[in-house]
Amino acid sequence: MTAARRPASRPKMQGELVIDLHKVVRLVEGMKVRELAQCAGTTVEAVVSRVVIAGKLPGSLGLRGHCNPEPEVSKEPEVSKEPEVSEEPEPELGRFFGRATRREIKVIVDRWVLGRVLVACEWNITHAANRLEISRRRLRQRWAAVRRPAVGALMAKLASSEPVRGIPAGPSLAELLERRATHREIHRVVDRWVVGLMLAAEGSNVTQAAKNLGTTRRALRGIRDSKVEGS
């Protein structure tokens, strides 16, 4: 028995892509699609339209009326929300002078600054990273580092200590954020402040000042020289 001749199908436009449904049907007829269509009580064309084309082509190029929209995938938070960290009071940097290394001070600064910016940006890591002018990866890494319990314990210990006599309060992190200072600019201001005070306290002795701050002579000189150039 001669198979009934199918009417020629018109190519269907999908954006800039042309789909000839009849040709696609002929390609998949040898894949037992016909048996599947008979069991489902439908036609091969319907199987091709719903399963093959709709399943393989992007959603924007699917056949009209046949391509189901992709299910929405819930996005997990990109950073961990910790209100108890982000709502901590602003650290008084003057209390840390002579009691914390340069690295410890930088970590404490990041803990407060990143927390405030993330809250202001409603925990949107992209907006927070753009605000601070750092990469999203860098922001994630720093936020994970400053949330460690050891950092919180150090911050609480230094905050409860008595102010050092003759030492100014130090730069205000809140004011720097209000002035839209970037992450790099904030650390530069803090570095210049602590290095300048330490050099003054040690009579410009670079070796001793670097030892007190737990940093290298080279790093200290770089901060000192940048202060001179920027003044």
Protein backbone atom coordinates (compact mmCIF):
# COMPACT_ATOMS: atom_id res chain seq x y z
CA MET A 1 0.00 0.00 0.00
CA THR A 2 1.35 3.34 -0.95
CA ALA A 3 1.64 5.75 1.91
CA ALA A 4 -0.55 8.80 1.63
CA ARG A 5 1.33 11.75 0.35
CA ARG A 6 1.69 14.45 2.93
CA PRO A 7 1.03 18.01 1.88
CA ALA A 8 4.13 20.13 1.68
CA SER A 9 4.65 22.07 4.87
CA ARG A 10 5.68 25.66 4.89
CA PRO A 11 8.87 26.55 6.71
CA LYS A 12 8.18 28.25 10.03
CA MET A 13 10.17 31.32 10.97
CA GLN A 14 11.70 31.36 14.43
CA GLY A 15 13.50 34.69 14.69
CA GLU A 16 16.27 34.35 12.10
CA LEU A 17 16.00 30.52 12.12
CA VAL A 18 13.87 28.68 9.48
CA ILE A 19 12.30 25.39 10.62
CA ASP A 20 10.84 23.02 8.00
CA LEU A 21 8.62 20.82 10.17
CA HIS A 22 8.11 18.26 7.36
CA LYS A 23 11.86 17.70 6.97
CA VAL A 24 12.33 17.35 10.71
CA VAL A 25 9.55 14.75 10.80
CA ARG A 26 11.24 12.68 8.07
CA LEU A 27 14.53 12.78 9.98
CA VAL A 28 13.04 11.35 13.16
CA GLU A 29 10.62 8.82 11.63
CA GLY A 30 13.27 6.10 11.92
CA MET A 31 13.65 6.69 15.65
CA LYS A 32 10.41 4.89 16.64
CA VAL A 33 8.72 8.23 17.04
CA ARG A 34 5.76 6.91 15.03
CA GLU A 35 5.15 4.13 17.60
CA LEU A 36 5.38 6.70 20.38
CA ALA A 37 2.85 8.91 18.62
CA GLN A 38 0.43 5.99 18.15
CA CYS A 39 0.64 5.04 21.82
CA ALA A 40 0.01 8.66 22.80
CA GLY A 41 -2.90 8.92 20.36
CA THR A 42 -1.34 11.84 18.50
CA THR A 43 0.64 12.50 15.34
CA VAL A 44 4.34 12.40 14.60
CA GLU A 45 4.21 16.11 13.84
CA ALA A 46 2.88 16.82 17.33
CA VAL A 47 5.61 14.72 18.95
CA VAL A 48 8.28 16.51 16.95
CA SER A 49 6.87 19.93 17.74
CA ARG A 50 6.47 19.31 21.47
CA VAL A 51 9.44 17.09 22.24
CA VAL A 52 12.18 17.48 19.67
CA ILE A 53 11.94 21.11 18.61
CA ALA A 54 10.64 22.62 21.84
CA GLY A 55 13.15 20.63 23.87
CA LYS A 56 16.21 21.48 21.81
CA LEU A 57 15.73 25.04 20.64
CA PRO A 58 16.16 28.06 22.92
CA GLY A 59 12.95 29.32 24.50
CA SER A 60 12.94 32.47 22.39
CA LEU A 61 13.03 30.35 19.22
CA GLY A 62 10.47 27.68 20.20
CA LEU A 63 7.35 27.03 18.14
CA ARG A 64 4.40 29.24 18.97
CA GLY A 65 1.95 27.58 21.31
CA HIS A 66 4.20 24.54 21.83
CA CYS A 67 7.28 25.70 23.67
CA ASN A 68 6.67 25.73 27.39
CA PRO A 69 8.44 28.51 29.29
CA GLU A 70 11.46 27.43 31.26
CA PRO A 71 10.75 27.06 34.97
CA GLU A 72 12.08 29.86 37.10
CA VAL A 73 15.12 28.83 39.09
CA SER A 74 15.33 30.42 42.50
CA LYS A 75 18.67 32.13 43.03
CA GLU A 76 20.50 31.43 46.22
CA PRO A 77 21.95 34.36 48.13
CA GLU A 78 25.35 35.23 46.72
CA VAL A 79 26.70 36.23 50.12
CA SER A 80 25.74 35.15 53.60
CA LYS A 81 23.48 37.62 55.37
CA GLU A 82 24.62 38.21 58.93
CA PRO A 83 22.87 41.19 60.52
CA GLU A 84 24.82 40.82 63.77
CA VAL A 85 28.00 41.55 61.81
CA SER A 86 26.62 44.25 59.52
CA GLU A 87 25.01 46.14 62.42
CA GLU A 88 28.11 46.41 64.59
CA PRO A 89 29.07 49.93 65.71
CA GLU A 90 31.76 51.76 63.81
CA PRO A 91 35.20 50.83 65.18
CA GLU A 92 37.25 53.59 66.81
CA LEU A 93 40.56 53.15 65.06
CA GLY A 94 42.40 55.19 67.69
CA ARG A 95 41.87 52.35 70.19
CA PHE A 96 43.67 49.92 67.89
CA PHE A 97 46.90 51.91 67.53
CA GLY A 98 49.83 49.99 69.03
CA ARG A 99 47.54 47.06 69.87
CA ALA A 100 46.87 45.60 66.43
CA THR A 101 48.96 44.96 63.37
CA ARG A 102 48.33 46.67 60.08
CA ARG A 103 46.74 43.49 58.73
CA GLU A 104 44.40 43.18 61.72
CA ILE A 105 43.30 46.78 61.32
CA LYS A 106 42.57 46.23 57.63
CA VAL A 107 40.44 43.17 58.45
CA ILE A 108 38.45 45.11 61.06
CA VAL A 109 37.93 47.95 58.61
CA ASP A 110 36.67 45.52 55.97
CA ARG A 111 34.32 43.86 58.45
CA TRP A 112 32.54 47.13 59.14
CA VAL A 113 32.73 48.71 55.67
CA LEU A 114 31.60 45.64 53.72
CA GLY A 115 28.76 45.01 56.15
CA ARG A 116 27.46 48.56 55.81
CA VAL A 117 27.69 48.59 52.04
CA LEU A 118 26.00 45.19 51.67
CA VAL A 119 23.10 46.32 53.85
CA ALA A 120 22.79 49.59 51.91
CA CYS A 121 22.70 47.59 48.66
CA GLU A 122 20.15 45.13 50.10
CA TRP A 123 22.72 42.32 49.94
CA ASN A 124 23.08 42.63 46.18
CA ILE A 125 26.69 41.65 45.64
CA THR A 126 26.88 43.22 42.18
CA HIS A 127 25.71 46.63 43.40
CA ALA A 128 27.96 46.45 46.48
CA ALA A 129 31.00 45.51 44.39
CA ASN A 130 30.31 48.34 41.96
CA ARG A 131 29.87 50.77 44.84
CA LEU A 132 33.27 49.82 46.31
CA GLU A 133 34.89 49.39 42.88
CA ILE A 134 36.12 45.87 43.55
CA SER A 135 35.32 42.57 41.86
CA ARG A 136 32.46 40.35 42.97
CA ARG A 137 34.96 37.59 43.68
CA ARG A 138 37.07 39.86 45.85
CA LEU A 139 34.00 40.98 47.76
CA ARG A 140 32.92 37.39 48.44
CA GLN A 141 36.40 36.44 49.62
CA ARG A 142 36.76 39.40 51.94
CA TRP A 143 33.25 39.01 53.40
CA ALA A 144 33.92 35.33 54.13
CA ALA A 145 37.24 36.20 55.81
CA VAL A 146 35.94 38.99 58.06
CA ARG A 147 32.99 36.92 59.31
CA ARG A 148 35.24 34.48 61.13
CA PRO A 149 34.67 34.31 64.90
CA ALA A 150 38.31 35.20 65.57
CA VAL A 151 37.84 38.55 63.85
CA GLY A 152 34.76 39.34 65.90
CA ALA A 153 36.57 38.41 69.13
CA LEU A 154 39.54 40.63 68.24
CA MET A 155 37.25 43.53 67.35
CA ALA A 156 35.33 43.21 70.63
CA LYS A 157 38.56 43.01 72.65
CA LEU A 158 40.06 46.12 71.06
CA ALA A 159 36.78 48.05 71.28
CA SER A 160 36.58 47.43 75.02
CA SER A 161 40.13 48.62 75.68
CA GLU A 162 40.90 52.05 77.08
CA PRO A 163 41.74 54.77 74.56
CA VAL A 164 45.45 55.38 74.08
CA ARG A 165 46.44 58.76 75.49
CA GLY A 166 47.57 61.28 72.93
CA ILE A 167 46.29 59.24 70.01
CA PRO A 168 43.57 60.85 67.86
CA ALA A 169 40.38 58.96 67.11
CA GLY A 170 41.49 58.23 63.57
CA PRO A 171 39.64 58.56 60.27
CA SER A 172 35.86 58.07 60.33
CA LEU A 173 34.82 55.16 58.16
CA ALA A 174 31.23 56.44 58.08
CA GLU A 175 32.37 59.79 56.68
CA LEU A 176 34.49 58.03 54.05
CA LEU A 177 31.46 56.04 52.92
CA GLU A 178 29.35 59.18 52.79
CA ARG A 179 31.97 60.71 50.52
CA ARG A 180 31.61 57.67 48.23
CA ALA A 181 35.18 56.53 48.86
CA THR A 182 36.09 53.24 47.20
CA HIS A 183 37.44 50.19 48.98
CA ARG A 184 40.97 51.04 47.90
CA GLU A 185 40.66 54.67 48.94
CA ILE A 186 39.39 53.74 52.40
CA HIS A 187 42.34 51.44 53.04
CA ARG A 188 44.75 54.04 51.71
CA VAL A 189 43.44 56.63 54.18
CA VAL A 190 43.68 54.16 57.09
CA ASP A 191 47.19 53.07 56.05
CA ARG A 192 48.44 56.64 55.84
CA TRP A 193 47.00 57.43 59.24
CA VAL A 194 48.42 54.44 61.11
CA VAL A 195 51.82 54.51 59.39
CA GLY A 196 52.20 58.25 59.94
CA LEU A 197 51.43 57.89 63.66
CA MET A 198 53.76 54.92 64.08
CA LEU A 199 56.65 56.63 62.33
CA ALA A 200 56.13 59.70 64.51
CA ALA A 201 56.05 57.53 67.66
CA GLU A 202 59.27 55.73 66.64
CA GLY A 203 61.16 58.84 65.56
CA SER A 204 60.93 57.93 61.87
CA ASN A 205 62.60 54.57 62.52
CA VAL A 206 61.25 52.55 59.62
CA THR A 207 62.52 49.21 60.92
CA GLN A 208 60.88 49.54 64.34
CA ALA A 209 57.68 51.01 62.93
CA ALA A 210 57.37 48.12 60.46
CA LYS A 211 57.95 45.64 63.27
CA ASN A 212 55.25 47.23 65.45
CA LEU A 213 52.74 47.09 62.60
CA GLY A 214 53.64 43.55 61.59
CA THR A 215 54.53 44.57 58.07
CA THR A 216 57.65 44.92 55.94
CA ARG A 217 59.95 47.90 55.60
CA ARG A 218 59.23 47.99 51.89
CA ALA A 219 55.46 48.12 52.42
CA LEU A 220 55.82 50.81 55.06
CA ARG A 221 58.04 52.94 52.83
CA GLY A 222 55.52 52.60 50.00
CA ILE A 223 52.73 53.89 52.24
CA ARG A 224 54.92 56.68 53.60
CA ASP A 225 55.99 57.81 50.13
CA SER A 226 52.41 57.71 48.80
CA LYS A 227 51.45 60.04 51.63
CA VAL A 228 54.10 62.53 50.58
CA GLU A 229 53.01 62.37 46.93
CA GLY A 230 49.34 62.77 47.79
CA SER A 231 49.74 65.62 50.21
